């Protein structure tokens, strides 16, 4: 018996594996099969949840980015409108000053 154990030890030391007895697989399935399937199902559910959260966050980021673009365009429009209003006010002021300057000299 000691020689058989020595031969098995040499096989294991060389990295060779012994053929697995099918009854061992059946015992493993009976003992751990449900837990393994449960873990795999939970892993799949977690991955689905992560994927759903990723999609939701990407949608929210896209919405925020669209809103920021919208606000940038609105700000640019208001800036252009304000600059036009300031230019118009300065032109009106210049015309008013010209009228004031012409009045005394024209009399």
PDB file of N, CA and C in Angstrom:
ATOM      1  N   UNK A   1       0.818  -1.177   0.000  1.00  0.00           N
ATOM      2  CA  UNK A   1       0.000   0.000   0.000  1.00  0.00           C
ATOM      3  C   UNK A   1       0.868   1.249   0.000  1.00  0.00           C
ATOM      4  N   UNK A   2       2.002   1.186   0.650  1.00  0.00           N
ATOM      5  CA  UNK A   2       2.891   2.327   0.710  1.00  0.00           C
ATOM      6  C   UNK A   2       3.418   2.662  -0.680  1.00  0.00           C
ATOM      7  N   UNK A   3       3.647   1.631  -1.507  1.00  0.00           N
ATOM      8  CA  UNK A   3       4.124   1.877  -2.871  1.00  0.00           C
ATOM      9  C   UNK A   3       3.060   2.595  -3.699  1.00  0.00           C
ATOM     10  N   UNK A   4       1.799   2.270  -3.505  1.00  0.00           N
ATOM     11  CA  UNK A   4       0.713   2.916  -4.233  1.00  0.00           C
ATOM     12  C   UNK A   4       0.638   4.380  -3.835  1.00  0.00           C
ATOM     13  N   UNK A   5       0.758   4.658  -2.540  1.00  0.00           N
ATOM     14  CA  UNK A   5       0.739   6.036  -2.064  1.00  0.00           C
ATOM     15  C   UNK A   5       1.933   6.814  -2.616  1.00  0.00           C
ATOM     16  N   UNK A   6       3.087   6.185  -2.673  1.00  0.00           N
ATOM     17  CA  UNK A   6       4.274   6.843  -3.217  1.00  0.00           C
ATOM     18  C   UNK A   6       4.082   7.156  -4.698  1.00  0.00           C
ATOM     19  N   UNK A   7       3.480   6.227  -5.430  1.00  0.00           N
ATOM     20  CA  UNK A   7       3.240   6.442  -6.858  1.00  0.00           C
ATOM     21  C   UNK A   7       2.256   7.589  -7.056  1.00  0.00           C
ATOM     22  N   UNK A   8       1.209   7.640  -6.213  1.00  0.00           N
ATOM     23  CA  UNK A   8       0.237   8.731  -6.308  1.00  0.00           C
ATOM     24  C   UNK A   8       0.897  10.061  -5.977  1.00  0.00           C
ATOM     25  N   UNK A   9       1.778  10.077  -4.969  1.00  0.00           N
ATOM     26  CA  UNK A   9       2.477  11.297  -4.583  1.00  0.00           C
ATOM     27  C   UNK A   9       3.372  11.765  -5.717  1.00  0.00           C
ATOM     28  N   UNK A  10       4.061  10.855  -6.399  1.00  0.00           N
ATOM     29  CA  UNK A  10       4.920  11.219  -7.515  1.00  0.00           C
ATOM     30  C   UNK A  10       4.083  11.796  -8.660  1.00  0.00           C
ATOM     31  N   UNK A  11       2.914  11.195  -8.930  1.00  0.00           N
ATOM     32  CA  UNK A  11       2.041  11.693 -10.000  1.00  0.00           C
ATOM     33  C   UNK A  11       1.564  13.107  -9.681  1.00  0.00           C
ATOM     34  N   UNK A  12       1.176  13.338  -8.446  1.00  0.00           N
ATOM     35  CA  UNK A  12       0.708  14.654  -8.043  1.00  0.00           C
ATOM     36  C   UNK A  12       1.857  15.653  -8.103  1.00  0.00           C
ATOM     37  N   UNK A  13       3.044  15.250  -7.697  1.00  0.00           N
ATOM     38  CA  UNK A  13       4.201  16.138  -7.709  1.00  0.00           C
ATOM     39  C   UNK A  13       4.566  16.535  -9.138  1.00  0.00           C
ATOM     40  N   UNK A  14       4.362  15.648 -10.102  1.00  0.00           N
ATOM     41  CA  UNK A  14       4.663  15.962 -11.503  1.00  0.00           C
ATOM     42  C   UNK A  14       3.562  16.790 -12.146  1.00  0.00           C
ATOM     43  N   UNK A  15       2.510  17.056 -11.440  1.00  0.00           N
ATOM     44  CA  UNK A  15       1.436  17.867 -11.977  1.00  0.00           C
ATOM     45  C   UNK A  15       0.388  17.041 -12.712  1.00  0.00           C
ATOM     46  N   UNK A  16       0.520  15.759 -12.676  1.00  0.00           N
ATOM     47  CA  UNK A  16      -0.468  14.905 -13.338  1.00  0.00           C
ATOM     48  C   UNK A  16      -1.640  14.698 -12.386  1.00  0.00           C
ATOM     49  N   UNK A  17      -2.801  14.792 -12.913  1.00  0.00           N
ATOM     50  CA  UNK A  17      -3.980  14.614 -12.071  1.00  0.00           C
ATOM     51  C   UNK A  17      -4.557  13.238 -12.308  1.00  0.00           C
ATOM     52  N   UNK A  18      -5.098  12.721 -11.279  1.00  0.00           N
ATOM     53  CA  UNK A  18      -5.736  11.411 -11.358  1.00  0.00           C
ATOM     54  C   UNK A  18      -7.123  11.599 -11.961  1.00  0.00           C
ATOM     55  N   UNK A  19      -7.625  10.634 -12.682  1.00  0.00           N
ATOM     56  CA  UNK A  19      -8.981  10.749 -13.210  1.00  0.00           C
ATOM     57  C   UNK A  19      -9.976  10.889 -12.068  1.00  0.00           C
ATOM     58  N   UNK A  20     -10.947  11.780 -12.254  1.00  0.00           N
ATOM     59  CA  UNK A  20     -11.920  12.043 -11.208  1.00  0.00           C
ATOM     60  C   UNK A  20     -13.024  11.001 -11.291  1.00  0.00           C
ATOM     61  N   UNK A  21     -13.356  10.493 -10.150  1.00  0.00           N
ATOM     62  CA  UNK A  21     -14.421   9.503 -10.054  1.00  0.00           C
ATOM     63  C   UNK A  21     -15.763  10.217 -10.247  1.00  0.00           C
ATOM     64  N   UNK A  22     -16.640   9.714 -11.133  1.00  0.00           N
ATOM     65  CA  UNK A  22     -17.917  10.396 -11.364  1.00  0.00           C
ATOM     66  C   UNK A  22     -18.770  10.509 -10.107  1.00  0.00           C
ATOM     67  N   UNK A  23     -18.587   9.607  -9.168  1.00  0.00           N
ATOM     68  CA  UNK A  23     -19.379   9.703  -7.940  1.00  0.00           C
ATOM     69  C   UNK A  23     -18.973  10.927  -7.130  1.00  0.00           C
ATOM     70  N   UNK A  24     -17.714  11.339  -7.223  1.00  0.00           N
ATOM     71  CA  UNK A  24     -17.256  12.553  -6.530  1.00  0.00           C
ATOM     72  C   UNK A  24     -17.995  13.757  -7.095  1.00  0.00           C
ATOM     73  N   UNK A  25     -18.114  13.778  -8.429  1.00  0.00           N
ATOM     74  CA  UNK A  25     -18.843  14.881  -9.060  1.00  0.00           C
ATOM     75  C   UNK A  25     -20.303  14.895  -8.611  1.00  0.00           C
ATOM     76  N   UNK A  26     -20.876  13.748  -8.489  1.00  0.00           N
ATOM     77  CA  UNK A  26     -22.266  13.666  -8.035  1.00  0.00           C
ATOM     78  C   UNK A  26     -22.400  14.154  -6.596  1.00  0.00           C
ATOM     79  N   UNK A  27     -21.442  13.794  -5.754  1.00  0.00           N
ATOM     80  CA  UNK A  27     -21.463  14.239  -4.360  1.00  0.00           C
ATOM     81  C   UNK A  27     -21.301  15.751  -4.295  1.00  0.00           C
ATOM     82  N   UNK A  28     -20.375  16.288  -5.098  1.00  0.00           N
ATOM     83  CA  UNK A  28     -20.188  17.741  -5.139  1.00  0.00           C
ATOM     84  C   UNK A  28     -21.470  18.441  -5.594  1.00  0.00           C
ATOM     85  N   UNK A  29     -22.105  17.874  -6.599  1.00  0.00           N
ATOM     86  CA  UNK A  29     -23.351  18.454  -7.090  1.00  0.00           C
ATOM     87  C   UNK A  29     -24.416  18.427  -5.999  1.00  0.00           C
ATOM     88  N   UNK A  30     -24.507  17.329  -5.289  1.00  0.00           N
ATOM     89  CA  UNK A  30     -25.497  17.239  -4.204  1.00  0.00           C
ATOM     90  C   UNK A  30     -25.193  18.222  -3.080  1.00  0.00           C
ATOM     91  N   UNK A  31     -23.916  18.341  -2.733  1.00  0.00           N
ATOM     92  CA  UNK A  31     -23.547  19.205  -1.618  1.00  0.00           C
ATOM     93  C   UNK A  31     -23.535  20.693  -1.995  1.00  0.00           C
ATOM     94  N   UNK A  32     -22.978  21.004  -3.154  1.00  0.00           N
ATOM     95  CA  UNK A  32     -22.725  22.406  -3.489  1.00  0.00           C
ATOM     96  C   UNK A  32     -23.453  22.900  -4.733  1.00  0.00           C
ATOM     97  N   UNK A  33     -24.162  22.035  -5.403  1.00  0.00           N
ATOM     98  CA  UNK A  33     -24.807  22.411  -6.664  1.00  0.00           C
ATOM     99  C   UNK A  33     -25.794  23.546  -6.511  1.00  0.00           C
ATOM    100  N   UNK A  34     -26.659  23.447  -5.502  1.00  0.00           N
ATOM    101  CA  UNK A  34     -27.667  24.490  -5.291  1.00  0.00           C
ATOM    102  C   UNK A  34     -27.002  25.830  -4.980  1.00  0.00           C
ATOM    103  N   UNK A  35     -25.992  25.781  -4.127  1.00  0.00           N
ATOM    104  CA  UNK A  35     -25.276  27.008  -3.762  1.00  0.00           C
ATOM    105  C   UNK A  35     -24.590  27.611  -4.987  1.00  0.00           C
ATOM    106  N   UNK A  36     -23.983  26.765  -5.792  1.00  0.00           N
ATOM    107  CA  UNK A  36     -23.301  27.247  -6.997  1.00  0.00           C
ATOM    108  C   UNK A  36     -24.308  27.881  -7.952  1.00  0.00           C
ATOM    109  N   UNK A  37     -25.424  27.234  -8.174  1.00  0.00           N
ATOM    110  CA  UNK A  37     -26.445  27.797  -9.063  1.00  0.00           C
ATOM    111  C   UNK A  37     -27.003  29.086  -8.491  1.00  0.00           C
ATOM    112  N   UNK A  38     -27.193  29.114  -7.175  1.00  0.00           N
ATOM    113  CA  UNK A  38     -27.689  30.326  -6.519  1.00  0.00           C
ATOM    114  C   UNK A  38     -26.694  31.472  -6.680  1.00  0.00           C
ATOM    115  N   UNK A  39     -25.415  31.173  -6.499  1.00  0.00           N
ATOM    116  CA  UNK A  39     -24.377  32.206  -6.668  1.00  0.00           C
ATOM    117  C   UNK A  39     -24.321  32.695  -8.113  1.00  0.00           C
ATOM    118  N   UNK A  40     -24.428  31.791  -9.051  1.00  0.00           N
ATOM    119  CA  UNK A  40     -24.398  32.179 -10.462  1.00  0.00           C
ATOM    120  C   UNK A  40     -25.609  33.041 -10.812  1.00  0.00           C
ATOM    121  N   UNK A  41     -26.787  32.670 -10.271  1.00  0.00           N
ATOM    122  CA  UNK A  41     -27.992  33.458 -10.525  1.00  0.00           C
ATOM    123  C   UNK A  41     -27.846  34.854  -9.922  1.00  0.00           C
ATOM    124  N   UNK A  42     -27.333  34.939  -8.705  1.00  0.00           N
ATOM    125  CA  UNK A  42     -27.132  36.233  -8.057  1.00  0.00           C
ATOM    126  C   UNK A  42     -26.119  37.073  -8.827  1.00  0.00           C
ATOM    127  N   UNK A  43     -25.066  36.435  -9.289  1.00  0.00           N
ATOM    128  CA  UNK A  43     -24.064  37.131 -10.095  1.00  0.00           C
ATOM    129  C   UNK A  43     -24.703  37.692 -11.367  1.00  0.00           C
ATOM    130  N   UNK A  44     -25.527  36.900 -12.012  1.00  0.00           N
ATOM    131  CA  UNK A  44     -26.208  37.353 -13.222  1.00  0.00           C
ATOM    132  C   UNK A  44     -27.156  38.516 -12.912  1.00  0.00           C
ATOM    133  N   UNK A  45     -27.886  38.422 -11.806  1.00  0.00           N
ATOM    134  CA  UNK A  45     -28.789  39.510 -11.413  1.00  0.00           C
ATOM    135  C   UNK A  45     -28.020  40.791 -11.115  1.00  0.00           C
ATOM    136  N   UNK A  46     -26.896  40.661 -10.431  1.00  0.00           N
ATOM    137  CA  UNK A  46     -26.073  41.832 -10.126  1.00  0.00           C
ATOM    138  C   UNK A  46     -25.532  42.470 -11.405  1.00  0.00           C
ATOM    139  N   UNK A  47     -25.090  41.636 -12.334  1.00  0.00           N
ATOM    140  CA  UNK A  47     -24.597  42.172 -13.610  1.00  0.00           C
ATOM    141  C   UNK A  47     -25.713  42.878 -14.374  1.00  0.00           C
ATOM    142  N   UNK A  48     -26.918  42.331 -14.340  1.00  0.00           N
ATOM    143  CA  UNK A  48     -28.047  42.984 -14.999  1.00  0.00           C
ATOM    144  C   UNK A  48     -28.362  44.319 -14.326  1.00  0.00           C
ATOM    145  N   UNK A  49     -28.315  44.353 -13.001  1.00  0.00           N
ATOM    146  CA  UNK A  49     -28.558  45.590 -12.269  1.00  0.00           C
ATOM    147  C   UNK A  49     -27.495  46.630 -12.605  1.00  0.00           C
ATOM    148  N   UNK A  50     -26.251  46.211 -12.658  1.00  0.00           N
ATOM    149  CA  UNK A  50     -25.157  47.123 -13.002  1.00  0.00           C
ATOM    150  C   UNK A  50     -25.343  47.656 -14.417  1.00  0.00           C
ATOM    151  N   UNK A  51     -25.715  46.782 -15.348  1.00  0.00           N
ATOM    152  CA  UNK A  51     -25.944  47.228 -16.728  1.00  0.00           C
ATOM    153  C   UNK A  51     -27.096  48.226 -16.803  1.00  0.00           C
ATOM    154  N   UNK A  52     -28.168  47.964 -16.047  1.00  0.00           N
ATOM    155  CA  UNK A  52     -29.309  48.890 -16.043  1.00  0.00           C
ATOM    156  C   UNK A  52     -28.900  50.236 -15.454  1.00  0.00           C
ATOM    157  N   UNK A  53     -28.133  50.225 -14.377  1.00  0.00           N
ATOM    158  CA  UNK A  53     -27.648  51.477 -13.784  1.00  0.00           C
ATOM    159  C   UNK A  53     -26.728  52.215 -14.744  1.00  0.00           C
ATOM    160  N   UNK A  54     -25.887  51.477 -15.448  1.00  0.00           N
ATOM    161  CA  UNK A  54     -24.982  52.101 -16.423  1.00  0.00           C
ATOM    162  C   UNK A  54     -25.794  52.791 -17.516  1.00  0.00           C
ATOM    163  N   UNK A  55     -26.805  52.101 -18.039  1.00  0.00           N
ATOM    164  CA  UNK A  55     -27.643  52.707 -19.080  1.00  0.00           C
ATOM    165  C   UNK A  55     -28.365  53.936 -18.548  1.00  0.00           C
ATOM    166  N   UNK A  56     -28.895  53.836 -17.324  1.00  0.00           N
ATOM    167  CA  UNK A  56     -29.606  54.967 -16.719  1.00  0.00           C
ATOM    168  C   UNK A  56     -28.669  56.160 -16.536  1.00  0.00           C
ATOM    169  N   UNK A  57     -27.453  55.909 -16.057  1.00  0.00           N
ATOM    170  CA  UNK A  57     -26.506  57.003 -15.850  1.00  0.00           C
ATOM    171  C   UNK A  57     -26.096  57.623 -17.184  1.00  0.00           C
ATOM    172  N   UNK A  58     -25.895  56.805 -18.208  1.00  0.00           N
ATOM    173  CA  UNK A  58     -25.550  57.350 -19.520  1.00  0.00           C
ATOM    174  C   UNK A  58     -26.682  58.216 -20.067  1.00  0.00           C
ATOM    175  N   UNK A  59     -27.920  57.791 -19.855  1.00  0.00           N
ATOM    176  CA  UNK A  59     -29.063  58.598 -20.279  1.00  0.00           C
ATOM    177  C   UNK A  59     -29.109  59.921 -19.523  1.00  0.00           C
ATOM    178  N   UNK A  60     -28.860  59.862 -18.218  1.00  0.00           N
ATOM    179  CA  UNK A  60     -28.875  61.085 -17.414  1.00  0.00           C
ATOM    180  C   UNK A  60     -27.733  62.014 -17.822  1.00  0.00           C
ATOM    181  N   UNK A  61     -26.553  61.454 -18.070  1.00  0.00           N
ATOM    182  CA  UNK A  61     -25.434  62.281 -18.519  1.00  0.00           C
ATOM    183  C   UNK A  61     -25.748  62.923 -19.861  1.00  0.00           C
ATOM    184  N   UNK A  62     -26.374  62.178 -20.752  1.00  0.00           N
ATOM    185  CA  UNK A  62     -26.739  62.732 -22.054  1.00  0.00           C
ATOM    186  C   UNK A  62     -27.757  63.857 -21.882  1.00  0.00           C
ATOM    187  N   UNK A  63     -28.718  63.677 -20.973  1.00  0.00           N
ATOM    188  CA  UNK A  63     -29.717  64.723 -20.723  1.00  0.00           C
ATOM    189  C   UNK A  63     -29.060  65.972 -20.139  1.00  0.00           C
ATOM    190  N   UNK A  64     -28.141  65.793 -19.201  1.00  0.00           N
ATOM    191  CA  UNK A  64     -27.442  66.933 -18.600  1.00  0.00           C
ATOM    192  C   UNK A  64     -26.599  67.643 -19.658  1.00  0.00           C
ATOM    193  N   UNK A  65     -25.934  66.871 -20.495  1.00  0.00           N
ATOM    194  CA  UNK A  65     -25.102  67.463 -21.543  1.00  0.00           C
ATOM    195  C   UNK A  65     -25.969  68.244 -22.531  1.00  0.00           C
ATOM    196  N   UNK A  66     -27.132  67.691 -22.891  1.00  0.00           N
ATOM    197  CA  UNK A  66     -28.043  68.403 -23.797  1.00  0.00           C
ATOM    198  C   UNK A  66     -28.532  69.692 -23.149  1.00  0.00           C
ATOM    199  N   UNK A  67     -28.855  69.636 -21.866  1.00  0.00           N
ATOM    200  CA  UNK A  67     -29.315  70.833 -21.152  1.00  0.00           C
ATOM    201  C   UNK A  67     -28.208  71.879 -21.094  1.00  0.00           C
ATOM    202  N   UNK A  68     -26.974  71.448 -20.863  1.00  0.00           N
ATOM    203  CA  UNK A  68     -25.851  72.385 -20.824  1.00  0.00           C
ATOM    204  C   UNK A  68     -25.656  73.037 -22.190  1.00  0.00           C
ATOM    205  N   UNK A  69     -25.774  72.266 -23.269  1.00  0.00           N
ATOM    206  CA  UNK A  69     -25.669  72.835 -24.615  1.00  0.00           C
ATOM    207  C   UNK A  69     -26.778  73.852 -24.852  1.00  0.00           C
ATOM    208  N   UNK A  70     -27.978  73.498 -24.422  1.00  0.00           N
ATOM    209  CA  UNK A  70     -29.125  74.399 -24.561  1.00  0.00           C
ATOM    210  C   UNK A  70     -28.881  75.710 -23.808  1.00  0.00           C
ATOM    211  N   UNK A  71     -28.364  75.586 -22.590  1.00  0.00           N
ATOM    212  CA  UNK A  71     -28.088  76.773 -21.786  1.00  0.00           C
ATOM    213  C   UNK A  71     -26.965  77.614 -22.404  1.00  0.00           C
ATOM    214  N   UNK A  72     -25.963  76.949 -22.993  1.00  0.00           N
ATOM    215  CA  UNK A  72     -24.872  77.686 -23.637  1.00  0.00           C
ATOM    216  C   UNK A  72     -25.402  78.476 -24.828  1.00  0.00           C
ATOM    217  N   UNK A  73     -26.288  77.867 -25.602  1.00  0.00           N
ATOM    218  CA  UNK A  73     -26.875  78.592 -26.742  1.00  0.00           C
ATOM    219  C   UNK A  73     -27.729  79.762 -26.263  1.00  0.00           C
ATOM    220  N   UNK A  74     -28.489  79.538 -25.215  1.00  0.00           N
ATOM    221  CA  UNK A  74     -29.335  80.610 -24.657  1.00  0.00           C
ATOM    222  C   UNK A  74     -28.464  81.750 -24.138  1.00  0.00           C
ATOM    223  N   UNK A  75     -27.381  81.410 -23.458  1.00  0.00           N
ATOM    224  CA  UNK A  75     -26.466  82.434 -22.951  1.00  0.00           C
ATOM    225  C   UNK A  75     -25.833  83.215 -24.100  1.00  0.00           C
ATOM    226  N   UNK A  76     -25.420  82.517 -25.147  1.00  0.00           N
ATOM    227  CA  UNK A  76     -24.834  83.204 -26.308  1.00  0.00           C
ATOM    228  C   UNK A  76     -25.860  84.127 -26.961  1.00  0.00           C
ATOM    229  N   UNK A  77     -27.105  83.676 -27.055  1.00  0.00           N
ATOM    230  CA  UNK A  77     -28.158  84.506 -27.647  1.00  0.00           C
ATOM    231  C   UNK A  77     -28.394  85.755 -26.801  1.00  0.00           C
ATOM    232  N   UNK A  78     -28.487  85.573 -25.474  1.00  0.00           N
ATOM    233  CA  UNK A  78     -28.687  86.728 -24.590  1.00  0.00           C
ATOM    234  C   UNK A  78     -27.501  87.683 -24.655  1.00  0.00           C
ATOM    235  N   UNK A  79     -26.297  87.134 -24.747  1.00  0.00           N
ATOM    236  CA  UNK A  79     -25.096  87.975 -24.856  1.00  0.00           C
ATOM    237  C   UNK A  79     -25.163  88.818 -26.132  1.00  0.00           C
ATOM    238  N   UNK A  80     -25.510  88.168 -27.253  1.00  0.00           N
ATOM    239  CA  UNK A  80     -25.600  88.902 -28.522  1.00  0.00           C
ATOM    240  C   UNK A  80     -26.691  89.966 -28.445  1.00  0.00           C
ATOM    241  N   UNK A  81     -27.819  89.632 -27.844  1.00  0.00           N
ATOM    242  CA  UNK A  81     -28.915  90.592 -27.698  1.00  0.00           C
ATOM    243  C   UNK A  81     -28.479  91.770 -26.826  1.00  0.00           C
ATOM    244  N   UNK A  82     -27.788  91.501 -25.748  1.00  0.00           N
ATOM    245  CA  UNK A  82     -27.315  92.548 -24.841  1.00  0.00           C
ATOM    246  C   UNK A  82     -26.306  93.448 -25.532  1.00  0.00           C
ATOM    247  N   UNK A  83     -25.380  92.854 -26.284  1.00  0.00           N
ATOM    248  CA  UNK A  83     -24.389  93.648 -27.006  1.00  0.00           C
ATOM    249  C   UNK A  83     -25.092  94.538 -28.024  1.00  0.00           C
ATOM    250  N   UNK A  84     -26.083  93.994 -28.738  1.00  0.00           N
ATOM    251  CA  UNK A  84     -26.851  94.808 -29.695  1.00  0.00           C
ATOM    252  C   UNK A  84     -27.568  95.949 -28.981  1.00  0.00           C
ATOM    253  N   UNK A  85     -28.167  95.662 -27.825  1.00  0.00           N
ATOM    254  CA  UNK A  85     -28.879  96.697 -27.070  1.00  0.00           C
ATOM    255  C   UNK A  85     -27.919  97.782 -26.603  1.00  0.00           C
ATOM    256  N   UNK A  86     -26.740  97.386 -26.138  1.00  0.00           N
ATOM    257  CA  UNK A  86     -25.742  98.370 -25.695  1.00  0.00           C
ATOM    258  C   UNK A  86     -25.284  99.212 -26.882  1.00  0.00           C
ATOM    259  N   UNK A  87     -25.026  98.569 -28.020  1.00  0.00           N
ATOM    260  CA  UNK A  87     -24.620  99.301 -29.220  1.00  0.00           C
ATOM    261  C   UNK A  87     -25.690 100.275 -29.671  1.00  0.00           C
ATOM    262  N   UNK A  88     -26.937  99.834 -29.618  1.00  0.00           N
ATOM    263  CA  UNK A  88     -28.055 100.693 -30.004  1.00  0.00           C
ATOM    264  C   UNK A  88     -28.178 101.881 -29.046  1.00  0.00           C
ATOM    265  N   UNK A  89     -28.013 101.609 -27.740  1.00  0.00           N
ATOM    266  CA  UNK A  89     -28.091 102.683 -26.751  1.00  0.00           C
ATOM    267  C   UNK A  89     -26.966 103.696 -26.961  1.00  0.00           C
ATOM    268  N   UNK A  90     -25.769 103.221 -27.261  1.00  0.00           N
ATOM    269  CA  UNK A  90     -24.640 104.133 -27.508  1.00  0.00           C
ATOM    270  C   UNK A  90     -24.892 104.957 -28.767  1.00  0.00           C
ATOM    271  N   UNK A  91     -25.449 104.327 -29.808  1.00  0.00           N
ATOM    272  CA  UNK A  91     -25.762 105.055 -31.041  1.00  0.00           C
ATOM    273  C   UNK A  91     -26.825 106.115 -30.772  1.00  0.00           C
ATOM    274  N   UNK A  92     -27.843 105.785 -29.990  1.00  0.00           N
ATOM    275  CA  UNK A  92     -28.874 106.761 -29.633  1.00  0.00           C
ATOM    276  C   UNK A  92     -28.277 107.909 -28.821  1.00  0.00           C
ATOM    277  N   UNK A  93     -27.417 107.566 -27.899  1.00  0.00           N
ATOM    278  CA  UNK A  93     -26.766 108.586 -27.091  1.00  0.00           C
ATOM    279  C   UNK A  93     -25.909 109.504 -27.977  1.00  0.00           C
ATOM    280  N   UNK A  94     -25.182 108.925 -28.936  1.00  0.00           N
ATOM    281  CA  UNK A  94     -24.373 109.719 -29.860  1.00  0.00           C
ATOM    282  C   UNK A  94     -25.245 110.649 -30.689  1.00  0.00           C
ATOM    283  N   UNK A  95     -26.388 110.146 -31.160  1.00  0.00           N
ATOM    284  CA  UNK A  95     -27.300 110.984 -31.942  1.00  0.00           C
ATOM    285  C   UNK A  95     -27.853 112.106 -31.082  1.00  0.00           C
ATOM    286  N   UNK A  96     -28.168 111.808 -29.849  1.00  0.00           N
ATOM    287  CA  UNK A  96     -28.692 112.820 -28.928  1.00  0.00           C
ATOM    288  C   UNK A  96     -27.634 113.892 -28.661  1.00  0.00           C
ATOM    289  N   UNK A  97     -26.392 113.464 -28.453  1.00  0.00           N
ATOM    290  CA  UNK A  97     -25.297 114.405 -28.216  1.00  0.00           C
ATOM    291  C   UNK A  97     -25.098 115.283 -29.451  1.00  0.00           C
ATOM    292  N   UNK A  98     -25.179 114.724 -30.662  1.00  0.00           N
ATOM    293  CA  UNK A  98     -25.051 115.505 -31.901  1.00  0.00           C
ATOM    294  C   UNK A  98     -26.151 116.561 -31.999  1.00  0.00           C
ATOM    295  N   UNK A  99     -27.363 116.141 -31.645  1.00  0.00           N
ATOM    296  CA  UNK A  99     -28.482 117.103 -31.681  1.00  0.00           C
ATOM    297  C   UNK A  99     -28.230 118.228 -30.698  1.00  0.00           C
ATOM    298  N   UNK A 100     -27.736 117.884 -29.528  1.00  0.00           N
ATOM    299  CA  UNK A 100     -27.442 118.916 -28.524  1.00  0.00           C
ATOM    300  C   UNK A 100     -26.328 119.845 -29.011  1.00  0.00           C
ATOM    301  N   UNK A 101     -25.343 119.259 -29.676  1.00  0.00           N
ATOM    302  CA  UNK A 101     -24.221 120.069 -30.176  1.00  0.00           C
ATOM    303  C   UNK A 101     -24.644 120.941 -31.346  1.00  0.00           C
ATOM    304  N   UNK A 102     -25.553 120.493 -32.174  1.00  0.00           N
ATOM    305  CA  UNK A 102     -26.011 121.271 -33.330  1.00  0.00           C
ATOM    306  C   UNK A 102     -26.966 122.382 -32.941  1.00  0.00           C
ATOM    307  N   UNK A 103     -27.739 122.196 -31.942  1.00  0.00           N
ATOM    308  CA  UNK A 103     -28.728 123.194 -31.546  1.00  0.00           C
ATOM    309  C   UNK A 103     -28.117 124.558 -31.244  1.00  0.00           C
ATOM    310  N   UNK A 104     -27.108 124.675 -30.403  1.00  0.00           N
ATOM    311  CA  UNK A 104     -26.570 126.003 -30.115  1.00  0.00           C
ATOM    312  C   UNK A 104     -25.856 126.586 -31.330  1.00  0.00           C
ATOM    313  N   UNK A 105     -25.190 125.758 -32.099  1.00  0.00           N
ATOM    314  CA  UNK A 105     -24.444 126.279 -33.243  1.00  0.00           C
ATOM    315  C   UNK A 105     -25.352 126.642 -34.406  1.00  0.00           C
ATOM    316  N   UNK A 106     -26.491 126.024 -34.520  1.00  0.00           N
ATOM    317  CA  UNK A 106     -27.432 126.270 -35.606  1.00  0.00           C
ATOM    318  C   UNK A 106     -28.219 127.523 -35.386  1.00  0.00           C
ATOM    319  N   UNK A 107     -28.291 128.113 -34.244  1.00  0.00           N
ATOM    320  CA  UNK A 107     -29.111 129.297 -33.936  1.00  0.00           C
ATOM    321  C   UNK A 107     -28.391 130.511 -34.267  1.00  0.00           C
TER     322      UNK A 107
END
